[in-house]
C-alpha cells in the first residue's frame, strides 16, 4: 500500500474507512477506527523503535482482541484471527511480506533467545539443565522450515509468539528504553508490524461482511 506525501499509510486507511463506514457493523467500525488511530501514532515514531513497537501492538490489539483470556485461549483466538485474515487475503499480501521481504528479519527473530519464553522461564526458575536450548533450536528449525515451505499460518503463529514475549518485556518494564541490549528484536519487531498492520486493517475494511466479534470497552452513550 502506497503512503501519502507525508508518509502516512494510516491517512489512506482512515479515508477508506470513512468512505465505506456504512457497510461495516458498528463494532467493526470502532475496532478499525481505533486501530488506525494507533497506527497513525506509531508512524510518527520513526526515531523511537520502542515507542513505535508499543503503539503498533496496541493497534494490533484494537484490530483483533475481543476479551482478555488466559495465554492458551489467547493463542487460539489469534490462530482463528490469522486463519480468517489469510482466507481473505486473495492477493497473498501477508505471504509476500513475511516470506519474501521480511524472511531475513524473521530468521533473526527466530534465532534470538531473548524473545523465547522458555529461556526466561529457565532463568527465573534457576534451571541449569539447558532443556530450553533443545526446545529453542527445535522450534527455530521448525519455523525456518515453515518459511521455506511457505506455510504462512505457522510462520505467523511463531512470529507472534516471539513478538508477544517482546511485548511483555517492554510493557511490563522488563527492558530499558533505547537499550542496546535488545535493539535488534525491537527494530525488527517494529518494522514487521509497521508493514503488517496496514495489510491487516485494509483486509478488514475490504471485507465488511465478516464479523470480527464484540469490542473491548465499547464507547458509552
Protein backbone atom coordinates (compact mmCIF):
# COMPACT_ATOMS: atom_id res chain seq x y z
CA UNK A 1 0.00 0.00 0.00
CA UNK A 2 1.40 3.38 -1.03
CA UNK A 3 1.84 6.09 1.61
CA UNK A 4 0.71 9.69 1.24
CA UNK A 5 3.18 12.54 0.67
CA UNK A 6 3.67 12.78 4.42
CA UNK A 7 4.50 9.06 4.56
CA UNK A 8 1.33 8.15 6.47
CA UNK A 9 -0.35 4.96 5.29
CA UNK A 10 -2.83 5.48 8.13
CA UNK A 11 -4.21 8.56 6.35
CA UNK A 12 -5.21 6.45 3.34
CA UNK A 13 -6.77 3.80 5.57
CA UNK A 14 -8.69 6.42 7.55
CA UNK A 15 -10.15 7.92 4.37
CA UNK A 16 -11.01 4.47 3.04
CA UNK A 17 -12.77 3.55 6.27
CA UNK A 18 -14.80 6.75 6.21
CA UNK A 19 -15.84 6.10 2.61
CA UNK A 20 -17.00 2.56 3.41
CA UNK A 21 -18.02 3.06 7.01
CA UNK A 22 -21.72 2.43 6.49
CA UNK A 23 -21.02 -1.05 5.12
CA UNK A 24 -19.46 -2.16 8.43
CA UNK A 25 -21.29 -3.06 11.61
CA UNK A 26 -20.67 -0.66 14.48
CA UNK A 27 -18.23 -2.85 16.48
CA UNK A 28 -16.03 -3.43 13.43
CA UNK A 29 -16.05 0.26 12.51
CA UNK A 30 -14.99 1.22 16.05
CA UNK A 31 -12.38 -1.53 16.07
CA UNK A 32 -10.87 -0.25 12.81
CA UNK A 33 -11.10 3.41 13.83
CA UNK A 34 -9.13 2.64 16.99
CA UNK A 35 -6.55 0.51 15.18
CA UNK A 36 -5.92 3.21 12.57
CA UNK A 37 -5.51 5.87 15.26
CA UNK A 38 -2.73 3.86 16.93
CA UNK A 39 -1.13 3.03 13.59
CA UNK A 40 -1.03 6.77 12.86
CA UNK A 41 0.64 7.38 16.22
CA UNK A 42 3.21 4.65 15.51
CA UNK A 43 4.04 6.14 12.11
CA UNK A 44 5.14 9.35 13.83
CA UNK A 45 7.69 7.46 15.95
CA UNK A 46 10.21 6.60 13.24
CA UNK A 47 13.11 7.56 15.51
CA UNK A 48 11.97 5.58 18.57
CA UNK A 49 11.62 1.84 17.93
CA UNK A 50 10.44 1.07 21.49
CA UNK A 51 7.55 3.52 21.31
CA UNK A 52 6.73 2.50 17.76
CA UNK A 53 6.53 -1.16 18.68
CA UNK A 54 4.26 -0.43 21.67
CA UNK A 55 1.88 1.74 19.61
CA UNK A 56 1.78 -0.90 16.87
CA UNK A 57 0.96 -3.62 19.38
CA UNK A 58 -1.92 -1.51 20.67
CA UNK A 59 -3.11 -1.13 17.07
CA UNK A 60 -2.94 -4.91 16.69
CA UNK A 61 -4.90 -5.47 19.89
CA UNK A 62 -7.53 -2.98 18.74
CA UNK A 63 -7.90 -4.88 15.47
CA UNK A 64 -8.36 -8.38 16.86
CA UNK A 65 -8.99 -8.56 20.62
CA UNK A 66 -12.42 -9.47 21.94
CA UNK A 67 -11.77 -10.24 25.59
CA UNK A 68 -8.78 -10.98 27.77
CA UNK A 69 -8.15 -14.69 28.06
CA UNK A 70 -5.53 -16.99 29.59
CA UNK A 71 -2.48 -17.39 27.36
CA UNK A 72 -3.65 -20.63 25.73
CA UNK A 73 -7.06 -19.17 24.89
CA UNK A 74 -5.38 -16.06 23.51
CA UNK A 75 -3.30 -18.25 21.21
CA UNK A 76 -6.47 -19.97 19.96
CA UNK A 77 -8.10 -16.60 19.37
CA UNK A 78 -5.04 -15.40 17.49
CA UNK A 79 -4.90 -18.52 15.34
CA UNK A 80 -8.55 -18.05 14.43
CA UNK A 81 -7.92 -14.40 13.55
CA UNK A 82 -4.91 -15.27 11.40
CA UNK A 83 -6.81 -18.05 9.63
CA UNK A 84 -9.60 -15.61 8.78
CA UNK A 85 -7.17 -12.97 7.52
CA UNK A 86 -5.32 -15.46 5.33
CA UNK A 87 -8.60 -16.70 3.85
CA UNK A 88 -9.48 -13.10 2.96
CA UNK A 89 -6.02 -12.30 1.58
CA UNK A 90 -6.64 -13.36 -2.01
CA UNK A 91 -3.63 -11.37 -3.26
CA UNK A 92 -1.38 -13.09 -0.70
CA UNK A 93 -0.03 -9.81 0.59
CA UNK A 94 0.74 -11.27 4.02
CA UNK A 95 2.58 -14.18 2.46
CA UNK A 96 4.63 -11.87 0.26
CA UNK A 97 5.54 -9.64 3.19
CA UNK A 98 6.58 -12.43 5.54
CA UNK A 99 8.15 -14.92 3.16
CA UNK A 100 9.91 -12.52 0.83
CA UNK A 101 10.53 -9.04 2.18
CA UNK A 102 10.96 -9.96 5.85
CA UNK A 103 12.30 -13.50 5.71
CA UNK A 104 15.71 -12.25 6.91
CA UNK A 105 14.47 -10.31 9.97
CA UNK A 106 12.11 -13.19 10.80
CA UNK A 107 15.01 -15.66 10.78
CA UNK A 108 16.92 -13.31 13.09
CA UNK A 109 13.91 -13.11 15.40
CA UNK A 110 13.52 -16.90 15.47
CA UNK A 111 17.18 -17.35 16.39
CA UNK A 112 17.08 -14.79 19.22
CA UNK A 113 16.78 -16.48 22.62
CA UNK A 114 15.73 -13.23 24.29
CA UNK A 115 12.28 -13.41 22.68
CA UNK A 116 11.82 -17.09 23.57
CA UNK A 117 9.71 -17.50 26.71
CA UNK A 118 11.19 -20.85 27.91
CA UNK A 119 14.61 -19.18 28.10
CA UNK A 120 13.28 -16.61 30.57
CA UNK A 121 11.36 -19.30 32.48
CA UNK A 122 14.59 -21.25 32.91
CA UNK A 123 16.29 -18.08 34.17
CA UNK A 124 13.50 -17.40 36.69
CA UNK A 125 13.49 -20.98 37.94
CA UNK A 126 17.31 -21.24 38.04
CA UNK A 127 17.09 -24.23 35.71
CA UNK A 128 20.63 -25.02 34.60
CA UNK A 129 19.67 -28.14 32.63
CA UNK A 130 19.70 -26.30 29.31
CA UNK A 131 16.48 -28.07 28.33
CA UNK A 132 15.23 -24.76 26.97
CA UNK A 133 18.05 -24.86 24.38
CA UNK A 134 16.75 -28.11 22.91
CA UNK A 135 13.22 -26.77 22.50
CA UNK A 136 14.56 -23.42 21.29
CA UNK A 137 16.63 -24.95 18.50
CA UNK A 138 13.82 -27.36 17.58
CA UNK A 139 11.32 -24.50 17.44
CA UNK A 140 13.63 -22.37 15.30
CA UNK A 141 14.29 -25.25 12.89
CA UNK A 142 10.56 -25.95 12.56
CA UNK A 143 9.74 -22.30 11.94
CA UNK A 144 12.55 -21.82 9.41
CA UNK A 145 11.34 -24.93 7.58
CA UNK A 146 7.85 -23.40 7.58
CA UNK A 147 9.37 -20.31 5.97
CA UNK A 148 10.99 -22.43 3.29
CA UNK A 149 7.76 -24.39 2.72
CA UNK A 150 5.65 -21.19 2.55
CA UNK A 151 3.49 -22.30 5.49
CA UNK A 152 2.24 -18.82 6.27
CA UNK A 153 -0.03 -19.81 9.18
CA UNK A 154 2.80 -21.49 11.03
CA UNK A 155 5.16 -18.57 10.38
CA UNK A 156 2.61 -16.04 11.62
CA UNK A 157 1.94 -18.06 14.75
CA UNK A 158 5.61 -18.43 15.70
CA UNK A 159 6.48 -14.81 14.84
CA UNK A 160 3.70 -13.52 17.09
CA UNK A 161 4.75 -15.88 19.88
CA UNK A 162 8.15 -14.19 19.76
CA UNK A 163 6.70 -10.69 19.43
CA UNK A 164 4.42 -11.36 22.41
CA UNK A 165 7.49 -12.02 24.58
CA UNK A 166 8.97 -8.73 23.35
CA UNK A 167 5.67 -7.00 24.09
CA UNK A 168 5.78 -8.33 27.67
CA UNK A 169 9.36 -7.17 28.14
CA UNK A 170 8.51 -3.61 27.11
CA UNK A 171 5.07 -3.21 28.69
CA UNK A 172 5.99 -4.84 31.99
CA UNK A 173 9.17 -2.85 32.48
CA UNK A 174 11.49 -5.73 31.64
CA UNK A 175 13.68 -3.65 29.34
CA UNK A 176 15.42 -0.28 29.41
CA UNK A 177 14.19 2.31 26.93
CA UNK A 178 16.52 2.57 23.93
CA UNK A 179 18.76 -0.13 25.40
CA UNK A 180 21.42 -1.51 23.09
CA UNK A 181 20.87 -4.99 24.55
CA UNK A 182 17.56 -5.58 22.77
CA UNK A 183 17.86 -3.26 19.77
CA UNK A 184 17.71 -5.87 17.01
CA UNK A 185 14.49 -7.54 18.13
CA UNK A 186 12.77 -4.23 18.86
CA UNK A 187 13.71 -2.75 15.49
CA UNK A 188 12.80 -5.90 13.58
CA UNK A 189 9.56 -6.32 15.51
CA UNK A 190 8.54 -2.72 14.87
CA UNK A 191 9.46 -2.97 11.17
CA UNK A 192 7.43 -6.14 10.67
CA UNK A 193 4.36 -4.77 12.47
CA UNK A 194 4.62 -1.40 10.71
CA UNK A 195 4.07 -3.11 7.35
CA UNK A 196 1.82 -5.91 8.52
CA UNK A 197 -0.73 -3.76 10.37
CA UNK A 198 -1.81 -1.74 7.28
CA UNK A 199 -2.42 -5.01 5.43
CA UNK A 200 -4.48 -6.41 8.32
CA UNK A 201 -6.55 -3.24 8.61
CA UNK A 202 -7.05 -3.00 4.85
CA UNK A 203 -8.24 -6.62 4.65
CA UNK A 204 -10.77 -5.90 7.39
CA UNK A 205 -12.00 -2.75 5.64
CA UNK A 206 -12.30 -4.64 2.33
CA UNK A 207 -14.48 -7.36 3.85
CA UNK A 208 -17.44 -5.70 5.57
CA UNK A 209 -19.47 -8.91 5.56
CA UNK A 210 -17.08 -10.53 8.01
CA UNK A 211 -17.74 -10.21 11.71
CA UNK A 212 -14.73 -9.73 13.94
CA UNK A 213 -16.53 -10.03 17.25
CA UNK A 214 -17.50 -7.67 20.02
CA UNK A 215 -15.03 -4.98 21.01
CA UNK A 216 -13.30 -4.42 24.31
CA UNK A 217 -14.52 -1.34 26.16
CA UNK A 218 -17.33 -0.15 23.85
CA UNK A 219 -17.93 3.62 23.94
CA UNK A 220 -20.57 4.61 26.48
CA UNK A 221 -23.50 6.81 25.49
